Amino acid sequence: MQVLLMEEVTKLGKPGDRVEVKAGFARNFLFPRRLAIEVSEGNLRALAQLAAQRKNRVAQEQTEATTLAGRLAGVTLRLARRAGEQDKLYGSVTTQDLEEALAAQGFRVDRRKIQLDEPIKALGRFPVALRLHAEVTAEMAVEVVPE
């Protein structure tokens, strides 16, 4: 049986792919979970329309991410934290702290998009990458100063 995939299915295909599967797999797994639809002229037209909408949405998200990356290019966040001996912090600076600091400056960035390998635990200046979109990354500087 031929079906059109509506969502990505592991080891089967991506949305919009036309694949051949067994009737029972389609009837019992793919159709109830709305992962696929049966191949027909009407469904092909509907899928083409959904693909066009998805393409427009992705293009709009990419342009917004590019604009935000341009605005973030020159931003340096200054965070004041209590520090002890040898410039070690009492605590750390996490992605949540960076998200709040960006929000205070008027930037809306989800903390999951902030690429911080491990929390910052010392005073100094650190580069932080932001993955705003699948194809758009930005970098900003974070400066941690003593309180």
Protein backbone atom coordinates (compact mmCIF):
# COMPACT_ATOMS: atom_id res chain seq x y z
CA MET A 1 0.00 0.00 0.00
CA GLN A 2 1.31 3.46 -0.86
CA VAL A 3 1.03 6.22 1.72
CA LEU A 4 2.11 9.85 2.01
CA LEU A 5 4.03 10.66 5.18
CA MET A 6 2.76 13.65 7.14
CA GLU A 7 5.46 13.49 9.83
CA GLU A 8 8.97 12.08 9.95
CA VAL A 9 8.96 8.35 10.67
CA THR A 10 12.25 6.74 11.70
CA LYS A 11 13.68 4.40 9.06
CA LEU A 12 10.78 5.20 6.72
CA GLY A 13 11.00 8.79 5.50
CA LYS A 14 10.36 12.50 5.90
CA PRO A 15 7.14 14.50 5.56
CA GLY A 16 5.91 14.49 1.98
CA ASP A 17 7.60 11.23 1.01
CA ARG A 18 5.57 8.65 -0.87
CA VAL A 19 6.43 5.20 0.53
CA GLU A 20 5.28 1.63 0.11
CA VAL A 21 4.27 -0.10 3.38
CA LYS A 22 2.27 -3.13 4.36
CA ALA A 23 -1.47 -2.51 4.72
CA GLY A 24 -1.53 -3.60 8.37
CA PHE A 25 1.31 -1.24 9.33
CA ALA A 26 -0.51 1.66 7.68
CA ARG A 27 -3.91 0.77 9.11
CA ASN A 28 -2.77 -0.04 12.67
CA PHE A 29 0.15 2.33 13.21
CA LEU A 30 0.50 5.17 10.69
CA PHE A 31 -3.13 6.19 10.16
CA PRO A 32 -4.27 6.24 13.83
CA ARG A 33 -1.26 8.37 14.83
CA ARG A 34 -1.80 10.67 11.83
CA LEU A 35 1.73 10.01 10.62
CA ALA A 36 0.56 9.20 7.08
CA ILE A 37 -2.42 9.39 4.74
CA GLU A 38 -3.46 7.22 1.84
CA VAL A 39 -2.33 8.26 -1.64
CA SER A 40 -5.14 9.95 -3.61
CA GLU A 41 -5.44 12.98 -5.87
CA GLY A 42 -7.11 15.07 -3.17
CA ASN A 43 -4.51 14.10 -0.58
CA LEU A 44 -1.68 14.91 -3.00
CA ARG A 45 -3.10 18.42 -3.54
CA ALA A 46 -3.61 18.92 0.20
CA LEU A 47 -0.06 17.77 0.91
CA ALA A 48 1.33 20.15 -1.71
CA GLN A 49 -0.55 23.01 -0.07
CA LEU A 50 0.76 22.03 3.40
CA ALA A 51 4.30 21.80 2.02
CA ALA A 52 4.02 25.32 0.58
CA GLN A 53 2.75 26.67 3.91
CA ARG A 54 5.56 24.90 5.78
CA LYS A 55 8.14 26.28 3.34
CA ASN A 56 6.83 29.84 3.83
CA ARG A 57 6.85 29.45 7.61
CA VAL A 58 10.43 28.14 7.62
CA ALA A 59 11.58 30.97 5.36
CA GLN A 60 9.93 33.54 7.64
CA GLU A 61 11.52 31.98 10.74
CA GLN A 62 14.92 32.04 9.03
CA THR A 63 14.64 35.74 8.13
CA GLU A 64 13.59 36.58 11.69
CA ALA A 65 16.54 34.57 13.05
CA THR A 66 18.94 36.32 10.67
CA THR A 67 17.65 39.72 11.77
CA LEU A 68 18.01 38.77 15.44
CA ALA A 69 21.52 37.44 14.82
CA GLY A 70 22.50 40.78 13.29
CA ARG A 71 21.16 42.65 16.30
CA LEU A 72 22.92 40.28 18.74
CA ALA A 73 26.31 40.50 16.99
CA GLY A 74 27.52 43.49 18.99
CA VAL A 75 25.87 42.65 22.30
CA THR A 76 27.97 42.10 25.41
CA LEU A 77 26.14 40.94 28.51
CA ARG A 78 27.59 42.14 31.83
CA LEU A 79 26.58 40.01 34.76
CA ALA A 80 27.61 40.92 38.30
CA ARG A 81 28.10 37.93 40.58
CA ARG A 82 29.62 37.31 43.99
CA ALA A 83 33.09 35.84 43.69
CA GLY A 84 35.53 34.32 46.11
CA GLU A 85 39.22 33.62 45.99
CA GLN A 86 40.95 33.13 42.64
CA ASP A 87 37.96 34.70 40.83
CA LYS A 88 35.71 31.68 41.37
CA LEU A 89 31.98 32.37 41.58
CA TYR A 90 29.68 31.41 44.42
CA GLY A 91 27.39 29.50 42.12
CA SER A 92 27.43 29.75 38.34
CA VAL A 93 25.99 31.53 35.33
CA THR A 94 23.54 29.28 33.47
CA THR A 95 21.52 29.53 30.28
CA GLN A 96 18.55 30.67 32.34
CA ASP A 97 20.59 33.61 33.69
CA LEU A 98 21.62 34.51 30.13
CA GLU A 99 18.02 34.28 28.93
CA GLU A 100 16.91 36.69 31.68
CA ALA A 101 19.76 39.10 30.92
CA LEU A 102 18.87 39.10 27.22
CA ALA A 103 15.20 39.67 28.06
CA ALA A 104 16.20 42.67 30.20
CA GLN A 105 17.89 44.16 27.11
CA GLY A 106 14.83 43.49 24.95
CA PHE A 107 15.85 40.26 23.18
CA ARG A 108 13.54 37.25 23.28
CA VAL A 109 15.73 34.15 23.02
CA ASP A 110 14.73 30.75 24.35
CA ARG A 111 17.32 29.33 26.74
CA ARG A 112 17.43 26.07 24.76
CA LYS A 113 18.92 28.03 21.87
CA ILE A 114 21.84 29.23 24.00
CA GLN A 115 24.77 26.86 23.42
CA LEU A 116 26.61 26.74 26.74
CA ASP A 117 28.60 23.52 27.19
CA GLU A 118 28.79 23.95 30.94
CA PRO A 119 27.81 26.73 33.34
CA ILE A 120 30.26 29.62 33.73
CA LYS A 121 31.95 29.37 37.14
CA ALA A 122 34.62 32.08 36.98
CA LEU A 123 34.99 35.79 36.39
CA GLY A 124 36.02 36.93 32.94
CA ARG A 125 34.84 37.29 29.36
CA PHE A 126 33.38 34.28 27.57
CA PRO A 127 32.05 33.77 24.02
CA VAL A 128 28.61 32.18 23.87
CA ALA A 129 27.01 30.77 20.74
CA LEU A 130 23.29 31.05 20.01
CA ARG A 131 21.65 28.60 17.60
CA LEU A 132 18.68 30.69 16.50
CA HIS A 133 17.67 28.52 13.54
CA ALA A 134 18.92 25.36 11.87
CA GLU A 135 21.00 27.50 9.50
CA VAL A 136 21.56 30.64 11.60
CA THR A 137 23.96 30.93 14.51
CA ALA A 138 25.10 34.04 16.33
CA GLU A 139 27.81 34.71 18.86
CA MET A 140 27.81 37.14 21.74
CA ALA A 141 30.15 37.93 24.60
CA VAL A 142 29.32 37.41 28.26
CA GLU A 143 31.35 39.32 30.79
CA VAL A 144 31.10 38.16 34.39
CA VAL A 145 32.30 40.84 36.82
CA PRO A 146 32.55 40.86 40.62
CA GLU A 147 29.63 42.31 42.52
